[in-house]
Amino acid sequence: MPSITAARILILATHGYERSELRVPLEQLLAKGATVKIASLEKAPIKSWDEDNWGDTVDVDLTLDEVKSEDFDALVIPGGQINPDLLRKEEKAVDLVKSFLTSGKTVAAVCHGPWLLIEADGVRGRKATSFSSIKTDMINAGADWRDEAVVADQGIITARNPGDLDAFVAKIVEEIEEGRHARRAA
């Protein structure tokens, strides 16, 4: 069971990520002592979406070609409508999510981020939540959808929206410290 202070966490994002859904986990996990890296489609700053307009940028540490899931203890997927929609069309991004899901490591997605879990067939038969507008997508993908701030099922964590971020990060820490999860096949 790794301590959060020894944990290596990967955030997967691209342009259009919801600012708070990347920044809050990044800042809180760093403050707890974790090593956090950001992966994206290319090694160039990515621009956030901040409520109703483009926001600031964040630097990218690794491209998808450079990422190895075995180098990390957890994967975090921020939402926003644009970010996960762009990423779920990228085979390398979906393959990375599948790799984390198969490994039993912690996988966390907030808001629209679960779209990537859907593409990776990671919600079928599992309790999960999401932003309410993709509830039907989640149910159609086989999730046991719940209107709860944070839902965890065998190390797969989902949250609804930016108002749930503190609980989301707390659950990420808890699940990482539990260690790998023996998951049933989706």
Protein backbone atom coordinates (compact mmCIF):
# COMPACT_ATOMS: atom_id res chain seq x y z
CA MET A 1 0.00 0.00 0.00
CA PRO A 2 1.81 3.13 -1.17
CA SER A 3 1.66 6.26 0.92
CA ILE A 4 0.38 9.33 -0.88
CA THR A 5 3.78 10.92 -0.24
CA ALA A 6 5.40 8.21 -2.38
CA ALA A 7 2.66 8.09 -5.02
CA ARG A 8 3.20 9.00 -8.67
CA ILE A 9 0.01 10.31 -10.26
CA LEU A 10 -0.71 11.05 -13.91
CA ILE A 11 -3.28 13.61 -15.04
CA LEU A 12 -4.47 13.05 -18.61
CA ALA A 13 -5.76 16.22 -20.29
CA THR A 14 -5.78 18.34 -23.42
CA HIS A 15 -7.17 21.70 -24.48
CA GLY A 16 -10.53 22.51 -22.97
CA TYR A 17 -10.09 20.81 -19.60
CA GLU A 18 -12.25 22.36 -16.89
CA ARG A 19 -9.75 24.56 -15.06
CA SER A 20 -10.74 23.67 -11.51
CA GLU A 21 -10.98 19.95 -12.29
CA LEU A 22 -7.30 19.85 -13.20
CA ARG A 23 -5.94 22.55 -10.87
CA VAL A 24 -7.60 21.42 -7.64
CA PRO A 25 -6.44 17.78 -7.84
CA LEU A 26 -3.00 18.89 -9.06
CA GLU A 27 -2.50 21.38 -6.23
CA GLN A 28 -4.03 19.24 -3.47
CA LEU A 29 -2.15 16.07 -4.45
CA LEU A 30 1.14 17.98 -4.70
CA ALA A 31 0.46 19.53 -1.28
CA LYS A 32 0.02 16.02 0.14
CA GLY A 33 3.47 15.06 -1.17
CA ALA A 34 2.56 13.10 -4.30
CA THR A 35 4.50 13.45 -7.54
CA VAL A 36 2.06 14.58 -10.23
CA LYS A 37 2.71 14.70 -13.97
CA ILE A 38 0.49 15.94 -16.79
CA ALA A 39 0.24 13.98 -20.03
CA SER A 40 -1.32 15.21 -23.26
CA LEU A 41 -1.30 14.77 -27.02
CA GLU A 42 1.77 16.95 -27.50
CA LYS A 43 4.39 18.53 -25.26
CA ALA A 44 3.07 22.08 -25.35
CA PRO A 45 0.99 24.04 -22.82
CA ILE A 46 -2.71 23.17 -22.84
CA LYS A 47 -5.44 25.75 -22.38
CA SER A 48 -8.19 25.43 -19.81
CA TRP A 49 -11.87 26.25 -20.04
CA ASP A 50 -12.84 28.41 -17.08
CA GLU A 51 -16.64 28.61 -16.61
CA ASP A 52 -17.67 30.40 -19.82
CA ASN A 53 -14.44 31.21 -21.67
CA TRP A 54 -10.88 30.07 -22.27
CA GLY A 55 -8.69 30.27 -19.18
CA ASP A 56 -5.03 29.90 -18.35
CA THR A 57 -2.66 27.17 -19.48
CA VAL A 58 -0.74 24.40 -17.77
CA ASP A 59 2.53 22.87 -18.92
CA VAL A 60 2.61 19.30 -20.18
CA ASP A 61 5.24 16.94 -18.79
CA LEU A 62 4.76 13.94 -21.09
CA THR A 63 3.19 13.08 -24.42
CA LEU A 64 1.05 9.96 -24.74
CA ASP A 65 3.98 8.35 -26.58
CA GLU A 66 6.19 8.89 -23.52
CA VAL A 67 3.77 7.63 -20.86
CA LYS A 68 4.08 4.17 -19.36
CA SER A 69 1.28 3.25 -16.98
CA GLU A 70 3.67 1.10 -14.97
CA ASP A 71 5.48 4.31 -13.93
CA PHE A 72 2.39 5.63 -12.10
CA ASP A 73 0.13 4.62 -9.22
CA ALA A 74 -2.99 6.43 -10.41
CA LEU A 75 -4.64 8.20 -13.33
CA VAL A 76 -6.79 11.33 -12.99
CA ILE A 77 -9.04 12.53 -15.82
CA PRO A 78 -10.45 16.04 -15.49
CA GLY A 79 -13.65 16.94 -17.27
CA GLY A 80 -15.01 19.87 -19.12
CA GLN A 81 -16.91 19.07 -22.28
CA ILE A 82 -14.05 19.67 -24.71
CA ASN A 83 -11.16 17.82 -23.02
CA PRO A 84 -12.63 14.30 -22.71
CA ASP A 85 -14.43 14.58 -26.03
CA LEU A 86 -11.12 15.25 -27.81
CA LEU A 87 -9.26 12.56 -25.87
CA ARG A 88 -11.82 9.79 -26.37
CA LYS A 89 -11.21 10.04 -30.13
CA GLU A 90 -7.48 9.34 -29.62
CA GLU A 91 -6.64 5.64 -29.62
CA LYS A 92 -3.49 6.19 -27.54
CA ALA A 93 -5.49 7.99 -24.84
CA VAL A 94 -8.11 5.25 -24.68
CA ASP A 95 -5.39 2.58 -24.63
CA LEU A 96 -3.71 4.36 -21.72
CA VAL A 97 -6.96 4.39 -19.76
CA LYS A 98 -7.44 0.68 -20.53
CA SER A 99 -3.92 -0.02 -19.30
CA PHE A 100 -4.63 1.64 -15.95
CA LEU A 101 -7.99 -0.13 -15.65
CA THR A 102 -6.42 -3.52 -16.36
CA SER A 103 -3.60 -2.91 -13.89
CA GLY A 104 -5.94 -2.47 -10.92
CA LYS A 105 -4.46 0.96 -10.19
CA THR A 106 -6.61 3.87 -9.10
CA VAL A 107 -8.45 5.60 -11.96
CA ALA A 108 -10.36 8.80 -11.20
CA ALA A 109 -12.59 10.82 -13.55
CA VAL A 110 -14.71 13.86 -12.83
CA CYS A 111 -17.61 15.59 -14.62
CA HIS A 112 -17.43 14.64 -18.34
CA GLY A 113 -14.14 12.76 -17.75
CA PRO A 114 -16.00 9.43 -17.49
CA TRP A 115 -16.51 9.62 -21.27
CA LEU A 116 -12.96 8.20 -21.44
CA LEU A 117 -13.96 5.41 -19.05
CA ILE A 118 -16.90 4.63 -21.34
CA GLU A 119 -14.57 4.41 -24.38
CA ALA A 120 -12.30 2.07 -22.42
CA ASP A 121 -15.28 -0.07 -21.32
CA GLY A 122 -14.50 0.79 -17.71
CA VAL A 123 -17.96 1.46 -16.26
CA ARG A 124 -19.92 -1.63 -17.31
CA GLY A 125 -21.39 -3.28 -14.21
CA ARG A 126 -19.83 -0.72 -11.87
CA LYS A 127 -21.27 1.95 -9.62
CA ALA A 128 -20.37 5.39 -10.98
CA THR A 129 -21.43 9.00 -11.27
CA SER A 130 -20.77 11.87 -13.67
CA PHE A 131 -22.03 15.26 -14.69
CA SER A 132 -25.79 14.88 -15.03
CA SER A 133 -25.83 15.60 -18.78
CA ILE A 134 -23.94 12.36 -19.50
CA LYS A 135 -26.01 10.20 -17.14
CA THR A 136 -27.68 8.47 -20.10
CA ASP A 137 -24.28 7.82 -21.73
CA MET A 138 -23.09 6.20 -18.50
CA ILE A 139 -26.22 4.06 -18.15
CA ASN A 140 -26.06 3.02 -21.81
CA ALA A 141 -22.43 1.96 -21.21
CA GLY A 142 -23.59 -0.30 -18.40
CA ALA A 143 -22.89 1.83 -15.32
CA ASP A 144 -25.00 1.66 -12.20
CA TRP A 145 -25.26 5.49 -12.22
CA ARG A 146 -25.79 7.33 -8.95
CA ASP A 147 -26.39 10.99 -8.16
CA GLU A 148 -23.71 11.18 -5.47
CA ALA A 149 -20.75 13.54 -5.04
CA VAL A 150 -18.16 10.75 -5.36
CA VAL A 151 -18.57 7.07 -6.16
CA ALA A 152 -15.80 4.48 -5.91
CA ASP A 153 -16.01 0.92 -7.20
CA GLN A 154 -12.88 -1.23 -6.97
CA GLY A 155 -10.53 1.75 -7.27
CA ILE A 156 -12.45 3.44 -10.09
CA ILE A 157 -13.50 6.84 -8.76
CA THR A 158 -16.02 9.16 -10.39
CA ALA A 159 -17.34 12.56 -9.32
CA ARG A 160 -20.06 14.86 -10.63
CA ASN A 161 -18.70 18.40 -10.86
CA PRO A 162 -16.29 21.05 -9.49
CA GLY A 163 -18.31 21.30 -6.27
CA ASP A 164 -17.26 17.72 -5.46
CA LEU A 165 -13.50 18.19 -5.93
CA ASP A 166 -12.43 18.12 -2.26
CA ALA A 167 -14.25 14.81 -1.73
CA PHE A 168 -12.89 13.56 -5.08
CA VAL A 169 -9.27 14.23 -4.08
CA ALA A 170 -9.80 12.71 -0.61
CA LYS A 171 -11.12 9.53 -2.26
CA ILE A 172 -8.14 9.45 -4.66
CA VAL A 173 -5.76 9.55 -1.69
CA GLU A 174 -7.73 6.81 0.11
CA GLU A 175 -7.82 4.50 -2.92
CA ILE A 176 -4.11 4.97 -3.72
CA GLU A 177 -3.19 4.10 -0.16
CA GLU A 178 -5.35 0.95 -0.35
CA GLY A 179 -3.14 -0.29 -3.18
CA ARG A 180 -4.09 -2.15 -6.33
CA HIS A 181 -7.62 -3.40 -6.73
CA ALA A 182 -8.48 -6.86 -8.01
CA ARG A 183 -11.14 -5.93 -10.54
CA ARG A 184 -13.66 -8.21 -12.08
CA ALA A 185 -13.84 -8.04 -15.86
CA ALA A 186 -16.10 -5.28 -17.13
